[in-house]
């Protein structure tokens, strides 16, 4: 992981530069992994939805998983 700012570290593919992971030091117990970077993303089912406060207005979530407007420590979105 490379420090990209005072609070954020990111991981990139050494061969092509694709973004692989993100970690904010304020929530160091959480590491976000880019699902499209996995060889078989269909095998990793989501447990919740994070960063829903920043989703595009035309994107709708149609499941019953918990939604967090920012990160999990910010609380559950109602």
PDB file of N, CA and C in Angstrom:
ATOM      1  N   UNK A   1       0.854  -1.176   0.000  1.00  0.00           N
ATOM      2  CA  UNK A   1       0.000   0.000   0.000  1.00  0.00           C
ATOM      3  C   UNK A   1       0.898   1.238   0.000  1.00  0.00           C
ATOM      4  N   UNK A   2       0.538   2.187  -0.806  1.00  0.00           N
ATOM      5  CA  UNK A   2       1.266   3.452  -0.899  1.00  0.00           C
ATOM      6  C   UNK A   2       0.433   4.556  -0.279  1.00  0.00           C
ATOM      7  N   UNK A   3       1.067   5.418   0.475  1.00  0.00           N
ATOM      8  CA  UNK A   3       0.372   6.545   1.073  1.00  0.00           C
ATOM      9  C   UNK A   3       0.076   7.552  -0.026  1.00  0.00           C
ATOM     10  N   UNK A   4      -1.227   7.836  -0.277  1.00  0.00           N
ATOM     11  CA  UNK A   4      -1.595   8.800  -1.309  1.00  0.00           C
ATOM     12  C   UNK A   4      -1.957  10.158  -0.713  1.00  0.00           C
ATOM     13  N   UNK A   5      -2.171  10.204   0.582  1.00  0.00           N
ATOM     14  CA  UNK A   5      -2.392  11.453   1.312  1.00  0.00           C
ATOM     15  C   UNK A   5      -2.119  11.170   2.783  1.00  0.00           C
ATOM     16  N   UNK A   6      -2.311  12.150   3.622  1.00  0.00           N
ATOM     17  CA  UNK A   6      -2.005  11.966   5.043  1.00  0.00           C
ATOM     18  C   UNK A   6      -2.827  10.849   5.681  1.00  0.00           C
ATOM     19  N   UNK A   7      -4.056  10.644   5.233  1.00  0.00           N
ATOM     20  CA  UNK A   7      -4.942   9.663   5.849  1.00  0.00           C
ATOM     21  C   UNK A   7      -5.237   8.436   4.989  1.00  0.00           C
ATOM     22  N   UNK A   8      -4.782   8.414   3.748  1.00  0.00           N
ATOM     23  CA  UNK A   8      -5.199   7.362   2.813  1.00  0.00           C
ATOM     24  C   UNK A   8      -4.006   6.626   2.214  1.00  0.00           C
ATOM     25  N   UNK A   9      -4.145   5.293   2.159  1.00  0.00           N
ATOM     26  CA  UNK A   9      -3.185   4.443   1.449  1.00  0.00           C
ATOM     27  C   UNK A   9      -3.929   3.711   0.340  1.00  0.00           C
ATOM     28  N   UNK A  10      -3.247   3.478  -0.764  1.00  0.00           N
ATOM     29  CA  UNK A  10      -3.844   2.789  -1.906  1.00  0.00           C
ATOM     30  C   UNK A  10      -2.878   1.735  -2.425  1.00  0.00           C
ATOM     31  N   UNK A  11      -3.432   0.681  -2.995  1.00  0.00           N
ATOM     32  CA  UNK A  11      -2.616  -0.370  -3.618  1.00  0.00           C
ATOM     33  C   UNK A  11      -2.926  -0.404  -5.106  1.00  0.00           C
ATOM     34  N   UNK A  12      -1.887  -0.586  -5.905  1.00  0.00           N
ATOM     35  CA  UNK A  12      -2.006  -0.622  -7.357  1.00  0.00           C
ATOM     36  C   UNK A  12      -1.272  -1.837  -7.901  1.00  0.00           C
ATOM     37  N   UNK A  13      -1.706  -2.328  -9.053  1.00  0.00           N
ATOM     38  CA  UNK A  13      -1.018  -3.420  -9.722  1.00  0.00           C
ATOM     39  C   UNK A  13       0.350  -2.919 -10.201  1.00  0.00           C
ATOM     40  N   UNK A  14       1.398  -3.654  -9.894  1.00  0.00           N
ATOM     41  CA  UNK A  14       2.754  -3.251 -10.292  1.00  0.00           C
ATOM     42  C   UNK A  14       2.951  -3.348 -11.800  1.00  0.00           C
ATOM     43  N   UNK A  15       2.176  -4.199 -12.468  1.00  0.00           N
ATOM     44  CA  UNK A  15       2.347  -4.384 -13.911  1.00  0.00           C
ATOM     45  C   UNK A  15       1.588  -3.350 -14.746  1.00  0.00           C
ATOM     46  N   UNK A  16       0.346  -3.028 -14.342  1.00  0.00           N
ATOM     47  CA  UNK A  16      -0.472  -2.149 -15.192  1.00  0.00           C
ATOM     48  C   UNK A  16      -0.964  -0.879 -14.505  1.00  0.00           C
ATOM     49  N   UNK A  17      -0.828  -0.795 -13.192  1.00  0.00           N
ATOM     50  CA  UNK A  17      -1.241   0.398 -12.467  1.00  0.00           C
ATOM     51  C   UNK A  17      -2.703   0.428 -12.050  1.00  0.00           C
ATOM     52  N   UNK A  18      -3.446  -0.642 -12.306  1.00  0.00           N
ATOM     53  CA  UNK A  18      -4.848  -0.690 -11.915  1.00  0.00           C
ATOM     54  C   UNK A  18      -4.991  -0.544 -10.401  1.00  0.00           C
ATOM     55  N   UNK A  19      -5.949   0.260  -9.978  1.00  0.00           N
ATOM     56  CA  UNK A  19      -6.225   0.412  -8.545  1.00  0.00           C
ATOM     57  C   UNK A  19      -6.762  -0.901  -7.992  1.00  0.00           C
ATOM     58  N   UNK A  20      -6.212  -1.353  -6.863  1.00  0.00           N
ATOM     59  CA  UNK A  20      -6.613  -2.620  -6.267  1.00  0.00           C
ATOM     60  C   UNK A  20      -7.282  -2.466  -4.910  1.00  0.00           C
ATOM     61  N   UNK A  21      -6.809  -1.535  -4.083  1.00  0.00           N
ATOM     62  CA  UNK A  21      -7.351  -1.404  -2.734  1.00  0.00           C
ATOM     63  C   UNK A  21      -7.190   0.022  -2.222  1.00  0.00           C
ATOM     64  N   UNK A  22      -8.004   0.341  -1.209  1.00  0.00           N
ATOM     65  CA  UNK A  22      -8.033   1.664  -0.588  1.00  0.00           C
ATOM     66  C   UNK A  22      -8.170   1.470   0.917  1.00  0.00           C
ATOM     67  N   UNK A  23      -7.425   2.237   1.696  1.00  0.00           N
ATOM     68  CA  UNK A  23      -7.546   2.183   3.151  1.00  0.00           C
ATOM     69  C   UNK A  23      -7.401   3.588   3.724  1.00  0.00           C
ATOM     70  N   UNK A  24      -8.382   3.988   4.551  1.00  0.00           N
ATOM     71  CA  UNK A  24      -8.341   5.262   5.240  1.00  0.00           C
ATOM     72  C   UNK A  24      -7.854   4.996   6.658  1.00  0.00           C
ATOM     73  N   UNK A  25      -6.866   5.717   7.119  1.00  0.00           N
ATOM     74  CA  UNK A  25      -6.305   5.482   8.445  1.00  0.00           C
ATOM     75  C   UNK A  25      -7.292   5.750   9.571  1.00  0.00           C
ATOM     76  N   UNK A  26      -8.326   6.552   9.297  1.00  0.00           N
ATOM     77  CA  UNK A  26      -9.368   6.796  10.305  1.00  0.00           C
ATOM     78  C   UNK A  26     -10.209   5.549  10.548  1.00  0.00           C
ATOM     79  N   UNK A  27     -10.253   4.665   9.565  1.00  0.00           N
ATOM     80  CA  UNK A  27     -10.989   3.396   9.683  1.00  0.00           C
ATOM     81  C   UNK A  27     -10.054   2.280   9.222  1.00  0.00           C
ATOM     82  N   UNK A  28      -8.913   2.183   9.867  1.00  0.00           N
ATOM     83  CA  UNK A  28      -7.845   1.261   9.433  1.00  0.00           C
ATOM     84  C   UNK A  28      -8.261  -0.203   9.450  1.00  0.00           C
ATOM     85  N   UNK A  29      -9.315  -0.555  10.188  1.00  0.00           N
ATOM     86  CA  UNK A  29      -9.773  -1.940  10.215  1.00  0.00           C
ATOM     87  C   UNK A  29     -10.517  -2.320   8.934  1.00  0.00           C
ATOM     88  N   UNK A  30     -10.808  -1.353   8.070  1.00  0.00           N
ATOM     89  CA  UNK A  30     -11.497  -1.597   6.809  1.00  0.00           C
ATOM     90  C   UNK A  30     -10.544  -1.379   5.644  1.00  0.00           C
ATOM     91  N   UNK A  31     -10.560  -2.305   4.703  1.00  0.00           N
ATOM     92  CA  UNK A  31      -9.820  -2.152   3.447  1.00  0.00           C
ATOM     93  C   UNK A  31     -10.798  -2.407   2.318  1.00  0.00           C
ATOM     94  N   UNK A  32     -10.942  -1.448   1.441  1.00  0.00           N
ATOM     95  CA  UNK A  32     -11.816  -1.599   0.285  1.00  0.00           C
ATOM     96  C   UNK A  32     -11.022  -2.221  -0.859  1.00  0.00           C
ATOM     97  N   UNK A  33     -11.566  -3.275  -1.446  1.00  0.00           N
ATOM     98  CA  UNK A  33     -10.935  -3.964  -2.570  1.00  0.00           C
ATOM     99  C   UNK A  33     -11.797  -3.731  -3.802  1.00  0.00           C
ATOM    100  N   UNK A  34     -11.188  -3.354  -4.906  1.00  0.00           N
ATOM    101  CA  UNK A  34     -11.947  -3.142  -6.133  1.00  0.00           C
ATOM    102  C   UNK A  34     -12.390  -4.496  -6.683  1.00  0.00           C
ATOM    103  N   UNK A  35     -13.691  -4.698  -6.751  1.00  0.00           N
ATOM    104  CA  UNK A  35     -14.249  -5.982  -7.157  1.00  0.00           C
ATOM    105  C   UNK A  35     -13.849  -6.336  -8.591  1.00  0.00           C
ATOM    106  N   UNK A  36     -13.720  -5.366  -9.454  1.00  0.00           N
ATOM    107  CA  UNK A  36     -13.367  -5.634 -10.847  1.00  0.00           C
ATOM    108  C   UNK A  36     -11.923  -6.103 -11.003  1.00  0.00           C
ATOM    109  N   UNK A  37     -11.122  -5.947  -9.960  1.00  0.00           N
ATOM    110  CA  UNK A  37      -9.732  -6.397 -10.039  1.00  0.00           C
ATOM    111  C   UNK A  37      -9.577  -7.878  -9.714  1.00  0.00           C
ATOM    112  N   UNK A  38     -10.643  -8.523  -9.257  1.00  0.00           N
ATOM    113  CA  UNK A  38     -10.581  -9.941  -8.910  1.00  0.00           C
ATOM    114  C   UNK A  38     -10.753 -10.813 -10.152  1.00  0.00           C
ATOM    115  N   UNK A  39     -10.117 -11.977 -10.166  1.00  0.00           N
ATOM    116  CA  UNK A  39     -10.252 -12.898 -11.292  1.00  0.00           C
ATOM    117  C   UNK A  39     -11.654 -13.475 -11.397  1.00  0.00           C
ATOM    118  N   UNK A  40     -12.297 -13.728 -10.256  1.00  0.00           N
ATOM    119  CA  UNK A  40     -13.649 -14.286 -10.236  1.00  0.00           C
ATOM    120  C   UNK A  40     -14.531 -13.480  -9.276  1.00  0.00           C
ATOM    121  N   UNK A  41     -14.899 -12.259  -9.658  1.00  0.00           N
ATOM    122  CA  UNK A  41     -15.656 -11.396  -8.747  1.00  0.00           C
ATOM    123  C   UNK A  41     -17.018 -11.965  -8.368  1.00  0.00           C
ATOM    124  N   UNK A  42     -17.578 -12.828  -9.197  1.00  0.00           N
ATOM    125  CA  UNK A  42     -18.886 -13.399  -8.905  1.00  0.00           C
ATOM    126  C   UNK A  42     -18.876 -14.298  -7.666  1.00  0.00           C
ATOM    127  N   UNK A  43     -17.689 -14.714  -7.217  1.00  0.00           N
ATOM    128  CA  UNK A  43     -17.607 -15.586  -6.042  1.00  0.00           C
ATOM    129  C   UNK A  43     -17.593 -14.808  -4.723  1.00  0.00           C
ATOM    130  N   UNK A  44     -17.551 -13.485  -4.799  1.00  0.00           N
ATOM    131  CA  UNK A  44     -17.514 -12.653  -3.588  1.00  0.00           C
ATOM    132  C   UNK A  44     -18.832 -11.897  -3.475  1.00  0.00           C
ATOM    133  N   UNK A  45     -19.717 -12.407  -2.649  1.00  0.00           N
ATOM    134  CA  UNK A  45     -21.017 -11.757  -2.461  1.00  0.00           C
ATOM    135  C   UNK A  45     -20.868 -10.575  -1.504  1.00  0.00           C
ATOM    136  N   UNK A  46     -21.561  -9.486  -1.750  1.00  0.00           N
ATOM    137  CA  UNK A  46     -21.461  -8.336  -0.850  1.00  0.00           C
ATOM    138  C   UNK A  46     -22.121  -8.622   0.496  1.00  0.00           C
ATOM    139  N   UNK A  47     -21.570  -8.022   1.551  1.00  0.00           N
ATOM    140  CA  UNK A  47     -22.147  -8.131   2.885  1.00  0.00           C
ATOM    141  C   UNK A  47     -22.957  -6.882   3.224  1.00  0.00           C
ATOM    142  N   UNK A  48     -22.650  -5.770   2.551  1.00  0.00           N
ATOM    143  CA  UNK A  48     -23.346  -4.508   2.765  1.00  0.00           C
ATOM    144  C   UNK A  48     -22.976  -3.567   1.628  1.00  0.00           C
ATOM    145  N   UNK A  49     -23.477  -2.350   1.712  1.00  0.00           N
ATOM    146  CA  UNK A  49     -23.152  -1.307   0.723  1.00  0.00           C
ATOM    147  C   UNK A  49     -22.549  -0.125   1.472  1.00  0.00           C
ATOM    148  N   UNK A  50     -21.328   0.239   1.129  1.00  0.00           N
ATOM    149  CA  UNK A  50     -20.689   1.399   1.749  1.00  0.00           C
ATOM    150  C   UNK A  50     -20.581   2.525   0.729  1.00  0.00           C
ATOM    151  N   UNK A  51     -20.419   3.733   1.226  1.00  0.00           N
ATOM    152  CA  UNK A  51     -20.289   4.933   0.396  1.00  0.00           C
ATOM    153  C   UNK A  51     -21.555   5.215  -0.416  1.00  0.00           C
ATOM    154  N   UNK A  52     -22.732   4.798   0.097  1.00  0.00           N
ATOM    155  CA  UNK A  52     -23.975   5.033  -0.645  1.00  0.00           C
ATOM    156  C   UNK A  52     -24.329   6.521  -0.711  1.00  0.00           C
ATOM    157  N   UNK A  53     -23.763   7.320   0.157  1.00  0.00           N
ATOM    158  CA  UNK A  53     -23.993   8.756   0.115  1.00  0.00           C
ATOM    159  C   UNK A  53     -23.354   9.419  -1.092  1.00  0.00           C
ATOM    160  N   UNK A  54     -22.511   8.676  -1.806  1.00  0.00           N
ATOM    161  CA  UNK A  54     -21.818   9.220  -2.975  1.00  0.00           C
ATOM    162  C   UNK A  54     -22.217   8.508  -4.269  1.00  0.00           C
ATOM    163  N   UNK A  55     -23.258   7.682  -4.215  1.00  0.00           N
ATOM    164  CA  UNK A  55     -23.635   6.952  -5.437  1.00  0.00           C
ATOM    165  C   UNK A  55     -24.300   7.894  -6.432  1.00  0.00           C
ATOM    166  N   UNK A  56     -24.258   7.503  -7.678  1.00  0.00           N
ATOM    167  CA  UNK A  56     -24.893   8.279  -8.739  1.00  0.00           C
ATOM    168  C   UNK A  56     -26.409   8.271  -8.540  1.00  0.00           C
ATOM    169  N   UNK A  57     -27.085   9.358  -8.855  1.00  0.00           N
ATOM    170  CA  UNK A  57     -28.517   9.445  -8.568  1.00  0.00           C
ATOM    171  C   UNK A  57     -29.362   8.417  -9.325  1.00  0.00           C
ATOM    172  N   UNK A  58     -28.890   7.920 -10.443  1.00  0.00           N
ATOM    173  CA  UNK A  58     -29.665   6.947 -11.220  1.00  0.00           C
ATOM    174  C   UNK A  58     -29.438   5.510 -10.777  1.00  0.00           C
ATOM    175  N   UNK A  59     -28.512   5.288  -9.833  1.00  0.00           N
ATOM    176  CA  UNK A  59     -28.218   3.932  -9.360  1.00  0.00           C
ATOM    177  C   UNK A  59     -29.090   3.599  -8.157  1.00  0.00           C
ATOM    178  N   UNK A  60     -29.902   2.560  -8.292  1.00  0.00           N
ATOM    179  CA  UNK A  60     -30.783   2.123  -7.208  1.00  0.00           C
ATOM    180  C   UNK A  60     -30.312   0.794  -6.640  1.00  0.00           C
ATOM    181  N   UNK A  61     -30.436   0.640  -5.339  1.00  0.00           N
ATOM    182  CA  UNK A  61     -30.080  -0.604  -4.669  1.00  0.00           C
ATOM    183  C   UNK A  61     -31.376  -1.343  -4.356  1.00  0.00           C
ATOM    184  N   UNK A  62     -31.477  -2.585  -4.824  1.00  0.00           N
ATOM    185  CA  UNK A  62     -32.721  -3.347  -4.698  1.00  0.00           C
ATOM    186  C   UNK A  62     -32.551  -4.608  -3.868  1.00  0.00           C
ATOM    187  N   UNK A  63     -31.778  -4.541  -2.809  1.00  0.00           N
ATOM    188  CA  UNK A  63     -31.659  -5.690  -1.916  1.00  0.00           C
ATOM    189  C   UNK A  63     -31.826  -5.200  -0.482  1.00  0.00           C
ATOM    190  N   UNK A  64     -31.768  -6.119   0.458  1.00  0.00           N
ATOM    191  CA  UNK A  64     -32.004  -5.761   1.856  1.00  0.00           C
ATOM    192  C   UNK A  64     -30.715  -5.619   2.667  1.00  0.00           C
ATOM    193  N   UNK A  65     -29.569  -5.546   1.993  1.00  0.00           N
ATOM    194  CA  UNK A  65     -28.304  -5.388   2.702  1.00  0.00           C
ATOM    195  C   UNK A  65     -28.225  -4.009   3.352  1.00  0.00           C
ATOM    196  N   UNK A  66     -27.521  -3.926   4.475  1.00  0.00           N
ATOM    197  CA  UNK A  66     -27.334  -2.639   5.144  1.00  0.00           C
ATOM    198  C   UNK A  66     -26.613  -1.673   4.220  1.00  0.00           C
ATOM    199  N   UNK A  67     -26.968  -0.408   4.358  1.00  0.00           N
ATOM    200  CA  UNK A  67     -26.352   0.644   3.561  1.00  0.00           C
ATOM    201  C   UNK A  67     -25.711   1.666   4.498  1.00  0.00           C
ATOM    202  N   UNK A  68     -24.481   2.026   4.192  1.00  0.00           N
ATOM    203  CA  UNK A  68     -23.756   3.023   4.972  1.00  0.00           C
ATOM    204  C   UNK A  68     -23.461   4.220   4.071  1.00  0.00           C
ATOM    205  N   UNK A  69     -23.835   5.422   4.474  1.00  0.00           N
ATOM    206  CA  UNK A  69     -23.603   6.590   3.631  1.00  0.00           C
ATOM    207  C   UNK A  69     -22.124   6.875   3.383  1.00  0.00           C
ATOM    208  N   UNK A  70     -21.290   6.489   4.322  1.00  0.00           N
ATOM    209  CA  UNK A  70     -19.849   6.678   4.172  1.00  0.00           C
ATOM    210  C   UNK A  70     -19.163   5.350   4.466  1.00  0.00           C
ATOM    211  N   UNK A  71     -18.650   5.162   5.656  1.00  0.00           N
ATOM    212  CA  UNK A  71     -18.038   3.881   6.011  1.00  0.00           C
ATOM    213  C   UNK A  71     -18.867   3.229   7.117  1.00  0.00           C
ATOM    214  N   UNK A  72     -18.530   2.013   7.465  1.00  0.00           N
ATOM    215  CA  UNK A  72     -19.312   1.276   8.456  1.00  0.00           C
ATOM    216  C   UNK A  72     -19.352   1.972   9.816  1.00  0.00           C
ATOM    217  N   UNK A  73     -18.297   2.656  10.190  1.00  0.00           N
ATOM    218  CA  UNK A  73     -18.269   3.320  11.495  1.00  0.00           C
ATOM    219  C   UNK A  73     -19.144   4.568  11.521  1.00  0.00           C
ATOM    220  N   UNK A  74     -19.601   5.032  10.346  1.00  0.00           N
ATOM    221  CA  UNK A  74     -20.469   6.211  10.285  1.00  0.00           C
ATOM    222  C   UNK A  74     -21.927   5.870  10.599  1.00  0.00           C
ATOM    223  N   UNK A  75     -22.264   4.591  10.716  1.00  0.00           N
ATOM    224  CA  UNK A  75     -23.623   4.192  11.069  1.00  0.00           C
ATOM    225  C   UNK A  75     -24.419   3.717   9.872  1.00  0.00           C
ATOM    226  N   UNK A  76     -25.539   3.110  10.168  1.00  0.00           N
ATOM    227  CA  UNK A  76     -26.406   2.542   9.134  1.00  0.00           C
ATOM    228  C   UNK A  76     -27.315   3.618   8.578  1.00  0.00           C
ATOM    229  N   UNK A  77     -27.424   3.641   7.270  1.00  0.00           N
ATOM    230  CA  UNK A  77     -28.319   4.582   6.603  1.00  0.00           C
ATOM    231  C   UNK A  77     -29.749   4.093   6.765  1.00  0.00           C
ATOM    232  N   UNK A  78     -30.638   4.986   7.067  1.00  0.00           N
ATOM    233  CA  UNK A  78     -32.045   4.589   7.224  1.00  0.00           C
ATOM    234  C   UNK A  78     -32.765   4.583   5.896  1.00  0.00           C
TER     235      UNK A  78
END
